[in-house]
Amino acid sequence: MVHERVFHGAGELATEVARAIELFTRLDRVIVGIGPGSYTGLRVGIATAFGLSLATDCQRIGCPSILGFAENDYHSDW
């Protein structure tokens, strides 16, 4: 099962992580976007994913942030 959340600010991150931990008895992996993105946002996200994977003994995976979009066509005509 995939648990995916969208939030708008680092202040919501801890709440969403806590909700994920409550929903699942065991995490298999944590996947985090590694950029492009805002420098501070990436650092917070990566550090959180790293800590969560260490605390739960699950696999951690970093992937280019663009792969988080459902679309297969990533270019624009503008």
Protein backbone atom coordinates (compact mmCIF):
# COMPACT_ATOMS: atom_id res chain seq x y z
CA MET A 1 0.00 0.00 0.00
CA VAL A 2 1.24 3.49 -0.81
CA HIS A 3 0.58 6.33 1.61
CA GLU A 4 0.96 9.67 -0.12
CA ARG A 5 0.25 13.12 1.27
CA VAL A 6 0.60 16.63 -0.05
CA PHE A 7 1.18 19.46 2.39
CA HIS A 8 2.24 23.06 2.21
CA GLY A 9 4.96 23.73 4.70
CA ALA A 10 7.46 22.02 6.93
CA GLY A 11 5.19 22.54 9.92
CA GLU A 12 2.77 19.97 8.53
CA LEU A 13 5.47 17.36 7.86
CA ALA A 14 5.71 16.00 11.42
CA THR A 15 1.93 15.65 11.63
CA GLU A 16 1.78 13.69 8.37
CA VAL A 17 4.65 11.43 9.41
CA ALA A 18 2.89 10.73 12.72
CA ARG A 19 -0.33 9.86 10.85
CA ALA A 20 1.55 7.47 8.55
CA ILE A 21 3.13 5.71 11.53
CA GLU A 22 -0.31 5.33 13.14
CA LEU A 23 -1.81 3.84 9.95
CA PHE A 24 0.80 1.17 9.34
CA THR A 25 2.34 -1.38 11.68
CA ARG A 26 5.44 -1.69 9.52
CA LEU A 27 7.01 0.54 6.86
CA ASP A 28 8.77 -1.19 3.97
CA ARG A 29 10.39 1.90 2.51
CA VAL A 30 10.47 5.66 2.59
CA ILE A 31 10.75 7.47 -0.74
CA VAL A 32 11.75 11.13 -0.83
CA GLY A 33 12.21 13.66 -3.60
CA ILE A 34 15.83 14.80 -3.95
CA GLY A 35 15.24 17.76 -6.23
CA PRO A 36 14.81 19.98 -7.95
CA GLY A 37 13.11 21.94 -5.24
CA SER A 38 13.72 24.54 -2.60
CA TYR A 39 17.01 24.02 -0.81
CA THR A 40 15.58 24.11 2.71
CA GLY A 41 12.55 22.00 1.78
CA LEU A 42 14.76 19.31 0.26
CA ARG A 43 17.02 19.25 3.31
CA VAL A 44 14.06 18.93 5.69
CA GLY A 45 12.44 16.20 3.58
CA ILE A 46 15.63 14.19 3.15
CA ALA A 47 16.59 14.48 6.82
CA THR A 48 13.09 13.40 7.87
CA ALA A 49 13.09 10.42 5.50
CA PHE A 50 16.56 9.41 6.67
CA GLY A 51 15.56 9.59 10.34
CA LEU A 52 12.29 7.75 9.73
CA SER A 53 14.07 4.96 7.89
CA LEU A 54 16.60 4.58 10.70
CA ALA A 55 13.90 4.60 13.39
CA THR A 56 11.73 2.03 11.62
CA ASP A 57 14.51 -0.02 10.02
CA CYS A 58 13.05 0.37 6.53
CA GLN A 59 14.61 1.02 3.16
CA ARG A 60 15.09 4.63 2.08
CA ILE A 61 15.01 5.72 -1.54
CA GLY A 62 15.75 9.12 -3.03
CA CYS A 63 14.35 9.93 -6.45
CA PRO A 64 14.24 12.99 -8.67
CA SER A 65 11.25 15.04 -7.59
CA ILE A 66 9.85 15.19 -11.12
CA LEU A 67 9.13 11.46 -10.93
CA GLY A 68 6.52 12.21 -8.27
CA PHE A 69 4.16 13.55 -10.94
CA ALA A 70 1.64 11.23 -12.55
CA GLU A 71 2.14 12.70 -16.03
CA ASN A 72 4.42 10.98 -18.52
CA ASP A 73 5.06 14.19 -20.48
CA TYR A 74 7.28 16.56 -18.48
CA HIS A 75 7.97 19.26 -21.01
CA SER A 76 6.09 22.44 -21.73
CA ASP A 77 5.47 24.26 -25.01
CA TRP A 78 5.77 27.73 -23.52
